[in-house]
């Protein structure tokens, strides 16, 4: 027996209601996966380009517990000197194992 127009409209309405209830679930799954991707560091899994420091500066491997102030102080430099040499550096987010450029000791 073929579907009537009323049956077809009822079916479409129930399908759209089902999608409306599922959409928040799908959005939560996507947000969770993006957060997991970010926090596991998968976004940074590609090999970084070797750091090339400008003249009168050298590469420095950040160690656990390092801060911009301590690194600069050890080399007779200021935090401003470090931020000038390392565009985009965020001193509150230094990661151990990363390289930065530091001025040659004064």
PDB file of N, CA and C in Angstrom:
ATOM      1  N   UNK A   1       0.841  -1.166   0.000  1.00  0.00           N
ATOM      2  CA  UNK A   1       0.000   0.000   0.000  1.00  0.00           C
ATOM      3  C   UNK A   1       0.896   1.243   0.000  1.00  0.00           C
ATOM      4  N   UNK A   2       0.722   2.146  -0.924  1.00  0.00           N
ATOM      5  CA  UNK A   2       1.562   3.339  -1.005  1.00  0.00           C
ATOM      6  C   UNK A   2       1.296   4.272   0.178  1.00  0.00           C
ATOM      7  N   UNK A   3       2.346   5.067   0.490  1.00  0.00           N
ATOM      8  CA  UNK A   3       2.229   6.025   1.602  1.00  0.00           C
ATOM      9  C   UNK A   3       1.390   7.219   1.166  1.00  0.00           C
ATOM     10  N   UNK A   4       0.596   7.670   2.083  1.00  0.00           N
ATOM     11  CA  UNK A   4      -0.180   8.872   1.800  1.00  0.00           C
ATOM     12  C   UNK A   4       0.682  10.094   2.090  1.00  0.00           C
ATOM     13  N   UNK A   5       0.239  11.227   1.649  1.00  0.00           N
ATOM     14  CA  UNK A   5       0.978  12.469   1.890  1.00  0.00           C
ATOM     15  C   UNK A   5       1.080  12.733   3.388  1.00  0.00           C
ATOM     16  N   UNK A   6       0.053  12.457   4.124  1.00  0.00           N
ATOM     17  CA  UNK A   6       0.063  12.667   5.580  1.00  0.00           C
ATOM     18  C   UNK A   6       1.085  11.750   6.245  1.00  0.00           C
ATOM     19  N   UNK A   7       1.165  10.478   5.781  1.00  0.00           N
ATOM     20  CA  UNK A   7       2.153   9.544   6.332  1.00  0.00           C
ATOM     21  C   UNK A   7       3.569  10.021   6.019  1.00  0.00           C
ATOM     22  N   UNK A   8       3.768  10.502   4.804  1.00  0.00           N
ATOM     23  CA  UNK A   8       5.083  10.980   4.385  1.00  0.00           C
ATOM     24  C   UNK A   8       5.500  12.198   5.211  1.00  0.00           C
ATOM     25  N   UNK A   9       4.585  13.119   5.450  1.00  0.00           N
ATOM     26  CA  UNK A   9       4.882  14.303   6.258  1.00  0.00           C
ATOM     27  C   UNK A   9       5.177  13.921   7.704  1.00  0.00           C
ATOM     28  N   UNK A  10       4.455  12.964   8.230  1.00  0.00           N
ATOM     29  CA  UNK A  10       4.699  12.503   9.602  1.00  0.00           C
ATOM     30  C   UNK A  10       6.079  11.862   9.706  1.00  0.00           C
ATOM     31  N   UNK A  11       6.460  11.099   8.673  1.00  0.00           N
ATOM     32  CA  UNK A  11       7.781  10.465   8.660  1.00  0.00           C
ATOM     33  C   UNK A  11       8.882  11.521   8.613  1.00  0.00           C
ATOM     34  N   UNK A  12       8.730  12.521   7.773  1.00  0.00           N
ATOM     35  CA  UNK A  12       9.731  13.595   7.685  1.00  0.00           C
ATOM     36  C   UNK A  12       9.839  14.344   9.010  1.00  0.00           C
ATOM     37  N   UNK A  13       8.700  14.595   9.645  1.00  0.00           N
ATOM     38  CA  UNK A  13       8.707  15.307  10.924  1.00  0.00           C
ATOM     39  C   UNK A  13       9.435  14.486  11.985  1.00  0.00           C
ATOM     40  N   UNK A  14       9.197  13.193  12.027  1.00  0.00           N
ATOM     41  CA  UNK A  14       9.868  12.354  13.028  1.00  0.00           C
ATOM     42  C   UNK A  14      11.367  12.268  12.741  1.00  0.00           C
ATOM     43  N   UNK A  15      11.752  12.247  11.469  1.00  0.00           N
ATOM     44  CA  UNK A  15      13.179  12.228  11.126  1.00  0.00           C
ATOM     45  C   UNK A  15      13.861  13.524  11.551  1.00  0.00           C
ATOM     46  N   UNK A  16      13.203  14.656  11.304  1.00  0.00           N
ATOM     47  CA  UNK A  16      13.812  15.936  11.692  1.00  0.00           C
ATOM     48  C   UNK A  16      13.894  16.058  13.216  1.00  0.00           C
ATOM     49  N   UNK A  17      12.904  15.530  13.937  1.00  0.00           N
ATOM     50  CA  UNK A  17      12.963  15.550  15.399  1.00  0.00           C
ATOM     51  C   UNK A  17      14.098  14.673  15.906  1.00  0.00           C
ATOM     52  N   UNK A  18      14.312  13.544  15.263  1.00  0.00           N
ATOM     53  CA  UNK A  18      15.413  12.658  15.667  1.00  0.00           C
ATOM     54  C   UNK A  18      16.753  13.363  15.477  1.00  0.00           C
ATOM     55  N   UNK A  19      16.928  14.047  14.352  1.00  0.00           N
ATOM     56  CA  UNK A  19      18.173  14.777  14.119  1.00  0.00           C
ATOM     57  C   UNK A  19      18.335  15.917  15.118  1.00  0.00           C
ATOM     58  N   UNK A  20      17.243  16.574  15.464  1.00  0.00           N
ATOM     59  CA  UNK A  20      17.305  17.680  16.412  1.00  0.00           C
ATOM     60  C   UNK A  20      17.787  17.186  17.775  1.00  0.00           C
ATOM     61  N   UNK A  21      17.381  15.991  18.172  1.00  0.00           N
ATOM     62  CA  UNK A  21      17.827  15.435  19.451  1.00  0.00           C
ATOM     63  C   UNK A  21      19.263  14.917  19.381  1.00  0.00           C
ATOM     64  N   UNK A  22      19.714  14.497  18.212  1.00  0.00           N
ATOM     65  CA  UNK A  22      21.060  13.946  18.070  1.00  0.00           C
ATOM     66  C   UNK A  22      22.123  15.024  17.878  1.00  0.00           C
ATOM     67  N   UNK A  23      21.752  16.188  17.375  1.00  0.00           N
ATOM     68  CA  UNK A  23      22.729  17.236  17.087  1.00  0.00           C
ATOM     69  C   UNK A  23      23.569  17.631  18.303  1.00  0.00           C
ATOM     70  N   UNK A  24      22.988  17.887  19.487  1.00  0.00           N
ATOM     71  CA  UNK A  24      23.838  18.226  20.641  1.00  0.00           C
ATOM     72  C   UNK A  24      24.831  17.111  20.988  1.00  0.00           C
ATOM     73  N   UNK A  25      24.423  15.869  20.837  1.00  0.00           N
ATOM     74  CA  UNK A  25      25.330  14.751  21.097  1.00  0.00           C
ATOM     75  C   UNK A  25      26.514  14.792  20.134  1.00  0.00           C
ATOM     76  N   UNK A  26      26.243  14.978  18.850  1.00  0.00           N
ATOM     77  CA  UNK A  26      27.324  15.046  17.863  1.00  0.00           C
ATOM     78  C   UNK A  26      28.250  16.228  18.136  1.00  0.00           C
ATOM     79  N   UNK A  27      27.683  17.356  18.529  1.00  0.00           N
ATOM     80  CA  UNK A  27      28.512  18.520  18.844  1.00  0.00           C
ATOM     81  C   UNK A  27      29.410  18.252  20.047  1.00  0.00           C
ATOM     82  N   UNK A  28      28.880  17.593  21.063  1.00  0.00           N
ATOM     83  CA  UNK A  28      29.703  17.246  22.229  1.00  0.00           C
ATOM     84  C   UNK A  28      30.835  16.302  21.852  1.00  0.00           C
ATOM     85  N   UNK A  29      30.554  15.340  21.003  1.00  0.00           N
ATOM     86  CA  UNK A  29      31.592  14.406  20.560  1.00  0.00           C
ATOM     87  C   UNK A  29      32.682  15.155  19.805  1.00  0.00           C
ATOM     88  N   UNK A  30      32.304  16.057  18.921  1.00  0.00           N
ATOM     89  CA  UNK A  30      33.288  16.824  18.153  1.00  0.00           C
ATOM     90  C   UNK A  30      34.131  17.698  19.075  1.00  0.00           C
ATOM     91  N   UNK A  31      33.504  18.377  20.024  1.00  0.00           N
ATOM     92  CA  UNK A  31      34.248  19.219  20.962  1.00  0.00           C
ATOM     93  C   UNK A  31      35.197  18.368  21.801  1.00  0.00           C
ATOM     94  N   UNK A  32      34.748  17.224  22.263  1.00  0.00           N
ATOM     95  CA  UNK A  32      35.607  16.334  23.046  1.00  0.00           C
ATOM     96  C   UNK A  32      36.812  15.876  22.227  1.00  0.00           C
ATOM     97  N   UNK A  33      36.584  15.477  20.987  1.00  0.00           N
ATOM     98  CA  UNK A  33      37.687  15.013  20.142  1.00  0.00           C
ATOM     99  C   UNK A  33      38.676  16.137  19.839  1.00  0.00           C
ATOM    100  N   UNK A  34      38.186  17.338  19.602  1.00  0.00           N
ATOM    101  CA  UNK A  34      39.089  18.467  19.368  1.00  0.00           C
ATOM    102  C   UNK A  34      39.915  18.785  20.614  1.00  0.00           C
ATOM    103  N   UNK A  35      39.286  18.729  21.785  1.00  0.00           N
ATOM    104  CA  UNK A  35      40.020  18.972  23.029  1.00  0.00           C
ATOM    105  C   UNK A  35      41.069  17.891  23.253  1.00  0.00           C
ATOM    106  N   UNK A  36      40.716  16.659  23.002  1.00  0.00           N
ATOM    107  CA  UNK A  36      41.664  15.557  23.142  1.00  0.00           C
ATOM    108  C   UNK A  36      42.835  15.730  22.182  1.00  0.00           C
ATOM    109  N   UNK A  37      42.556  16.102  20.968  1.00  0.00           N
ATOM    110  CA  UNK A  37      43.582  16.344  19.947  1.00  0.00           C
ATOM    111  C   UNK A  37      44.543  17.433  20.407  1.00  0.00           C
ATOM    112  N   UNK A  38      43.989  18.501  20.977  1.00  0.00           N
ATOM    113  CA  UNK A  38      44.827  19.620  21.413  1.00  0.00           C
ATOM    114  C   UNK A  38      45.666  19.258  22.633  1.00  0.00           C
ATOM    115  N   UNK A  39      45.063  18.628  23.631  1.00  0.00           N
ATOM    116  CA  UNK A  39      45.776  18.359  24.871  1.00  0.00           C
ATOM    117  C   UNK A  39      46.775  17.217  24.765  1.00  0.00           C
ATOM    118  N   UNK A  40      46.589  16.325  23.832  1.00  0.00           N
ATOM    119  CA  UNK A  40      47.572  15.261  23.648  1.00  0.00           C
ATOM    120  C   UNK A  40      48.741  15.711  22.788  1.00  0.00           C
ATOM    121  N   UNK A  41      48.660  16.916  22.268  1.00  0.00           N
ATOM    122  CA  UNK A  41      49.767  17.443  21.489  1.00  0.00           C
ATOM    123  C   UNK A  41      49.832  16.914  20.076  1.00  0.00           C
ATOM    124  N   UNK A  42      48.761  16.313  19.594  1.00  0.00           N
ATOM    125  CA  UNK A  42      48.792  15.777  18.242  1.00  0.00           C
ATOM    126  C   UNK A  42      48.892  16.884  17.209  1.00  0.00           C
ATOM    127  N   UNK A  43      48.471  18.079  17.569  1.00  0.00           N
ATOM    128  CA  UNK A  43      48.553  19.197  16.637  1.00  0.00           C
ATOM    129  C   UNK A  43      50.005  19.599  16.403  1.00  0.00           C
ATOM    130  N   UNK A  44      50.890  19.234  17.319  1.00  0.00           N
ATOM    131  CA  UNK A  44      52.295  19.604  17.206  1.00  0.00           C
ATOM    132  C   UNK A  44      53.172  18.390  16.927  1.00  0.00           C
ATOM    133  N   UNK A  45      52.604  17.327  16.399  1.00  0.00           N
ATOM    134  CA  UNK A  45      53.368  16.101  16.223  1.00  0.00           C
ATOM    135  C   UNK A  45      54.326  16.152  15.043  1.00  0.00           C
ATOM    136  N   UNK A  46      54.186  17.125  14.172  1.00  0.00           N
ATOM    137  CA  UNK A  46      55.111  17.222  13.056  1.00  0.00           C
ATOM    138  C   UNK A  46      56.450  17.723  13.569  1.00  0.00           C
ATOM    139  N   UNK A  47      57.506  17.313  12.918  1.00  0.00           N
ATOM    140  CA  UNK A  47      58.839  17.714  13.343  1.00  0.00           C
ATOM    141  C   UNK A  47      58.995  19.225  13.158  1.00  0.00           C
ATOM    142  N   UNK A  48      59.412  19.926  14.206  1.00  0.00           N
ATOM    143  CA  UNK A  48      59.565  21.372  14.082  1.00  0.00           C
ATOM    144  C   UNK A  48      60.763  21.728  13.204  1.00  0.00           C
ATOM    145  N   UNK A  49      60.684  22.880  12.594  1.00  0.00           N
ATOM    146  CA  UNK A  49      61.800  23.371  11.794  1.00  0.00           C
ATOM    147  C   UNK A  49      62.952  23.687  12.735  1.00  0.00           C
ATOM    148  N   UNK A  50      64.194  23.429  12.307  1.00  0.00           N
ATOM    149  CA  UNK A  50      65.329  23.776  13.160  1.00  0.00           C
ATOM    150  C   UNK A  50      65.358  25.287  13.409  1.00  0.00           C
ATOM    151  N   UNK A  51      65.637  25.648  14.631  1.00  0.00           N
ATOM    152  CA  UNK A  51      65.651  27.052  15.019  1.00  0.00           C
ATOM    153  C   UNK A  51      66.932  27.712  14.522  1.00  0.00           C
ATOM    154  N   UNK A  52      66.792  28.819  13.832  1.00  0.00           N
ATOM    155  CA  UNK A  52      67.939  29.603  13.371  1.00  0.00           C
ATOM    156  C   UNK A  52      67.909  30.917  14.132  1.00  0.00           C
ATOM    157  N   UNK A  53      68.951  31.140  14.922  1.00  0.00           N
ATOM    158  CA  UNK A  53      69.001  32.342  15.752  1.00  0.00           C
ATOM    159  C   UNK A  53      69.757  33.456  15.035  1.00  0.00           C
ATOM    160  N   UNK A  54      69.360  34.706  15.274  1.00  0.00           N
ATOM    161  CA  UNK A  54      70.064  35.823  14.652  1.00  0.00           C
ATOM    162  C   UNK A  54      71.477  35.975  15.206  1.00  0.00           C
ATOM    163  N   UNK A  55      72.227  36.850  14.581  1.00  0.00           N
ATOM    164  CA  UNK A  55      73.602  37.114  15.003  1.00  0.00           C
ATOM    165  C   UNK A  55      73.617  37.583  16.458  1.00  0.00           C
ATOM    166  N   UNK A  56      74.663  37.243  17.172  1.00  0.00           N
ATOM    167  CA  UNK A  56      74.853  37.575  18.591  1.00  0.00           C
ATOM    168  C   UNK A  56      73.838  36.889  19.502  1.00  0.00           C
ATOM    169  N   UNK A  57      73.316  35.755  19.049  1.00  0.00           N
ATOM    170  CA  UNK A  57      72.439  34.954  19.906  1.00  0.00           C
ATOM    171  C   UNK A  57      72.692  33.481  19.608  1.00  0.00           C
ATOM    172  N   UNK A  58      72.326  32.641  20.557  1.00  0.00           N
ATOM    173  CA  UNK A  58      72.528  31.196  20.415  1.00  0.00           C
ATOM    174  C   UNK A  58      71.248  30.473  20.819  1.00  0.00           C
ATOM    175  N   UNK A  59      71.172  29.199  20.415  1.00  0.00           N
ATOM    176  CA  UNK A  59      70.022  28.381  20.813  1.00  0.00           C
ATOM    177  C   UNK A  59      70.178  27.951  22.259  1.00  0.00           C
ATOM    178  N   UNK A  60      69.054  27.876  22.942  1.00  0.00           N
ATOM    179  CA  UNK A  60      69.032  27.419  24.328  1.00  0.00           C
ATOM    180  C   UNK A  60      67.904  26.419  24.467  1.00  0.00           C
ATOM    181  N   UNK A  61      68.197  25.265  25.044  1.00  0.00           N
ATOM    182  CA  UNK A  61      67.197  24.226  25.275  1.00  0.00           C
ATOM    183  C   UNK A  61      66.534  24.480  26.628  1.00  0.00           C
ATOM    184  N   UNK A  62      65.240  24.716  26.599  1.00  0.00           N
ATOM    185  CA  UNK A  62      64.493  25.005  27.829  1.00  0.00           C
ATOM    186  C   UNK A  62      64.441  23.751  28.694  1.00  0.00           C
ATOM    187  N   UNK A  63      64.728  23.938  29.978  1.00  0.00           N
ATOM    188  CA  UNK A  63      64.681  22.837  30.945  1.00  0.00           C
ATOM    189  C   UNK A  63      63.453  23.019  31.834  1.00  0.00           C
ATOM    190  N   UNK A  64      63.050  21.952  32.488  1.00  0.00           N
ATOM    191  CA  UNK A  64      61.907  22.023  33.405  1.00  0.00           C
ATOM    192  C   UNK A  64      62.199  23.053  34.490  1.00  0.00           C
ATOM    193  N   UNK A  65      61.252  23.918  34.759  1.00  0.00           N
ATOM    194  CA  UNK A  65      61.409  24.932  35.792  1.00  0.00           C
ATOM    195  C   UNK A  65      62.010  26.235  35.304  1.00  0.00           C
ATOM    196  N   UNK A  66      62.449  26.299  34.039  1.00  0.00           N
ATOM    197  CA  UNK A  66      63.003  27.540  33.494  1.00  0.00           C
ATOM    198  C   UNK A  66      61.918  28.600  33.362  1.00  0.00           C
ATOM    199  N   UNK A  67      62.331  29.839  33.490  1.00  0.00           N
ATOM    200  CA  UNK A  67      61.434  30.972  33.238  1.00  0.00           C
ATOM    201  C   UNK A  67      62.195  31.971  32.376  1.00  0.00           C
ATOM    202  N   UNK A  68      61.481  32.828  31.703  1.00  0.00           N
ATOM    203  CA  UNK A  68      62.139  33.845  30.869  1.00  0.00           C
ATOM    204  C   UNK A  68      63.071  34.701  31.721  1.00  0.00           C
ATOM    205  N   UNK A  69      62.599  35.053  32.912  1.00  0.00           N
ATOM    206  CA  UNK A  69      63.411  35.903  33.771  1.00  0.00           C
ATOM    207  C   UNK A  69      64.715  35.197  34.153  1.00  0.00           C
ATOM    208  N   UNK A  70      64.637  33.927  34.546  1.00  0.00           N
ATOM    209  CA  UNK A  70      65.837  33.194  34.970  1.00  0.00           C
ATOM    210  C   UNK A  70      66.798  32.992  33.801  1.00  0.00           C
ATOM    211  N   UNK A  71      66.266  32.650  32.630  1.00  0.00           N
ATOM    212  CA  UNK A  71      67.122  32.451  31.453  1.00  0.00           C
ATOM    213  C   UNK A  71      67.823  33.756  31.098  1.00  0.00           C
ATOM    214  N   UNK A  72      67.072  34.851  31.068  1.00  0.00           N
ATOM    215  CA  UNK A  72      67.667  36.151  30.749  1.00  0.00           C
ATOM    216  C   UNK A  72      68.661  36.584  31.805  1.00  0.00           C
ATOM    217  N   UNK A  73      68.335  36.379  33.066  1.00  0.00           N
ATOM    218  CA  UNK A  73      69.214  36.777  34.160  1.00  0.00           C
ATOM    219  C   UNK A  73      70.551  36.043  34.096  1.00  0.00           C
ATOM    220  N   UNK A  74      70.534  34.759  33.732  1.00  0.00           N
ATOM    221  CA  UNK A  74      71.774  33.982  33.613  1.00  0.00           C
ATOM    222  C   UNK A  74      72.679  34.520  32.510  1.00  0.00           C
ATOM    223  N   UNK A  75      72.103  35.218  31.537  1.00  0.00           N
ATOM    224  CA  UNK A  75      72.867  35.703  30.389  1.00  0.00           C
ATOM    225  C   UNK A  75      73.006  37.223  30.373  1.00  0.00           C
ATOM    226  N   UNK A  76      72.604  37.874  31.446  1.00  0.00           N
ATOM    227  CA  UNK A  76      72.704  39.328  31.509  1.00  0.00           C
ATOM    228  C   UNK A  76      71.749  40.020  30.555  1.00  0.00           C
ATOM    229  N   UNK A  77      70.604  39.411  30.316  1.00  0.00           N
ATOM    230  CA  UNK A  77      69.614  39.976  29.395  1.00  0.00           C
ATOM    231  C   UNK A  77      68.301  40.189  30.136  1.00  0.00           C
ATOM    232  N   UNK A  78      67.404  40.868  29.486  1.00  0.00           N
ATOM    233  CA  UNK A  78      66.085  41.113  30.069  1.00  0.00           C
ATOM    234  C   UNK A  78      65.050  40.234  29.374  1.00  0.00           C
ATOM    235  N   UNK A  79      63.874  40.183  29.968  1.00  0.00           N
ATOM    236  CA  UNK A  79      62.762  39.456  29.345  1.00  0.00           C
ATOM    237  C   UNK A  79      62.432  40.098  28.001  1.00  0.00           C
ATOM    238  N   UNK A  80      62.555  41.421  27.922  1.00  0.00           N
ATOM    239  CA  UNK A  80      62.301  42.125  26.653  1.00  0.00           C
ATOM    240  C   UNK A  80      63.277  41.663  25.575  1.00  0.00           C
ATOM    241  N   UNK A  81      64.544  41.415  25.952  1.00  0.00           N
ATOM    242  CA  UNK A  81      65.521  40.902  24.978  1.00  0.00           C
ATOM    243  C   UNK A  81      65.081  39.537  24.449  1.00  0.00           C
ATOM    244  N   UNK A  82      64.598  38.681  25.342  1.00  0.00           N
ATOM    245  CA  UNK A  82      64.153  37.345  24.919  1.00  0.00           C
ATOM    246  C   UNK A  82      62.933  37.422  24.013  1.00  0.00           C
ATOM    247  N   UNK A  83      61.984  38.278  24.356  1.00  0.00           N
ATOM    248  CA  UNK A  83      60.785  38.378  23.520  1.00  0.00           C
ATOM    249  C   UNK A  83      61.101  39.009  22.171  1.00  0.00           C
ATOM    250  N   UNK A  84      62.111  39.869  22.116  1.00  0.00           N
ATOM    251  CA  UNK A  84      62.525  40.451  20.836  1.00  0.00           C
ATOM    252  C   UNK A  84      63.162  39.381  19.951  1.00  0.00           C
ATOM    253  N   UNK A  85      63.957  38.506  20.533  1.00  0.00           N
ATOM    254  CA  UNK A  85      64.623  37.444  19.765  1.00  0.00           C
ATOM    255  C   UNK A  85      63.671  36.318  19.374  1.00  0.00           C
ATOM    256  N   UNK A  86      62.638  36.099  20.150  1.00  0.00           N
ATOM    257  CA  UNK A  86      61.713  34.977  19.932  1.00  0.00           C
ATOM    258  C   UNK A  86      60.300  35.523  19.749  1.00  0.00           C
ATOM    259  N   UNK A  87      59.992  35.919  18.532  1.00  0.00           N
ATOM    260  CA  UNK A  87      58.678  36.495  18.242  1.00  0.00           C
ATOM    261  C   UNK A  87      57.582  35.503  18.626  1.00  0.00           C
ATOM    262  N   UNK A  88      56.582  35.983  19.344  1.00  0.00           N
ATOM    263  CA  UNK A  88      55.444  35.146  19.707  1.00  0.00           C
ATOM    264  C   UNK A  88      55.660  34.273  20.928  1.00  0.00           C
ATOM    265  N   UNK A  89      56.789  34.419  21.621  1.00  0.00           N
ATOM    266  CA  UNK A  89      57.026  33.595  22.813  1.00  0.00           C
ATOM    267  C   UNK A  89      56.082  34.045  23.929  1.00  0.00           C
ATOM    268  N   UNK A  90      55.545  33.091  24.651  1.00  0.00           N
ATOM    269  CA  UNK A  90      54.700  33.372  25.813  1.00  0.00           C
ATOM    270  C   UNK A  90      55.447  32.836  27.025  1.00  0.00           C
ATOM    271  N   UNK A  91      55.996  33.732  27.810  1.00  0.00           N
ATOM    272  CA  UNK A  91      56.848  33.325  28.934  1.00  0.00           C
ATOM    273  C   UNK A  91      56.109  32.504  29.978  1.00  0.00           C
ATOM    274  N   UNK A  92      54.786  32.572  30.004  1.00  0.00           N
ATOM    275  CA  UNK A  92      54.040  31.771  30.973  1.00  0.00           C
ATOM    276  C   UNK A  92      53.805  30.349  30.464  1.00  0.00           C
ATOM    277  N   UNK A  93      54.153  30.081  29.201  1.00  0.00           N
ATOM    278  CA  UNK A  93      53.909  28.754  28.618  1.00  0.00           C
ATOM    279  C   UNK A  93      55.182  28.113  28.071  1.00  0.00           C
ATOM    280  N   UNK A  94      56.321  28.330  28.716  1.00  0.00           N
ATOM    281  CA  UNK A  94      57.563  27.701  28.257  1.00  0.00           C
ATOM    282  C   UNK A  94      57.464  26.194  28.440  1.00  0.00           C
ATOM    283  N   UNK A  95      57.866  25.441  27.418  1.00  0.00           N
ATOM    284  CA  UNK A  95      57.817  23.978  27.487  1.00  0.00           C
ATOM    285  C   UNK A  95      59.232  23.422  27.500  1.00  0.00           C
ATOM    286  N   UNK A  96      59.504  22.547  28.453  1.00  0.00           N
ATOM    287  CA  UNK A  96      60.806  21.896  28.520  1.00  0.00           C
ATOM    288  C   UNK A  96      61.036  21.113  27.236  1.00  0.00           C
ATOM    289  N   UNK A  97      62.274  21.187  26.726  1.00  0.00           N
ATOM    290  CA  UNK A  97      62.620  20.472  25.504  1.00  0.00           C
ATOM    291  C   UNK A  97      62.537  21.325  24.252  1.00  0.00           C
ATOM    292  N   UNK A  98      61.979  22.509  24.353  1.00  0.00           N
ATOM    293  CA  UNK A  98      61.894  23.425  23.209  1.00  0.00           C
ATOM    294  C   UNK A  98      63.147  24.292  23.159  1.00  0.00           C
ATOM    295  N   UNK A  99      63.487  24.750  21.972  1.00  0.00           N
ATOM    296  CA  UNK A  99      64.618  25.660  21.793  1.00  0.00           C
ATOM    297  C   UNK A  99      64.122  27.091  21.683  1.00  0.00           C
ATOM    298  N   UNK A 100      64.883  28.011  22.250  1.00  0.00           N
ATOM    299  CA  UNK A 100      64.648  29.436  22.039  1.00  0.00           C
ATOM    300  C   UNK A 100      65.999  30.084  21.764  1.00  0.00           C
ATOM    301  N   UNK A 101      65.974  31.285  21.241  1.00  0.00           N
ATOM    302  CA  UNK A 101      67.201  32.047  21.029  1.00  0.00           C
ATOM    303  C   UNK A 101      67.449  32.920  22.251  1.00  0.00           C
ATOM    304  N   UNK A 102      68.703  32.936  22.699  1.00  0.00           N
ATOM    305  CA  UNK A 102      69.081  33.792  23.823  1.00  0.00           C
ATOM    306  C   UNK A 102      70.297  34.601  23.406  1.00  0.00           C
ATOM    307  N   UNK A 103      70.429  35.817  23.948  1.00  0.00           N
ATOM    308  CA  UNK A 103      71.599  36.618  23.604  1.00  0.00           C
ATOM    309  C   UNK A 103      72.870  35.971  24.141  1.00  0.00           C
ATOM    310  N   UNK A 104      73.953  36.182  23.415  1.00  0.00           N
ATOM    311  CA  UNK A 104      75.251  35.711  23.893  1.00  0.00           C
ATOM    312  C   UNK A 104      75.551  36.478  25.169  1.00  0.00           C
ATOM    313  N   UNK A 105      76.073  35.789  26.200  1.00  0.00           N
ATOM    314  CA  UNK A 105      76.329  36.413  27.500  1.00  0.00           C
ATOM    315  C   UNK A 105      77.094  37.708  27.384  1.00  0.00           C
ATOM    316  N   UNK A 106      76.649  38.702  28.148  1.00  0.00           N
ATOM    317  CA  UNK A 106      77.274  40.036  28.099  1.00  0.00           C
ATOM    318  C   UNK A 106      78.458  40.107  29.019  1.00  0.00           C
TER     319      UNK A 106
END
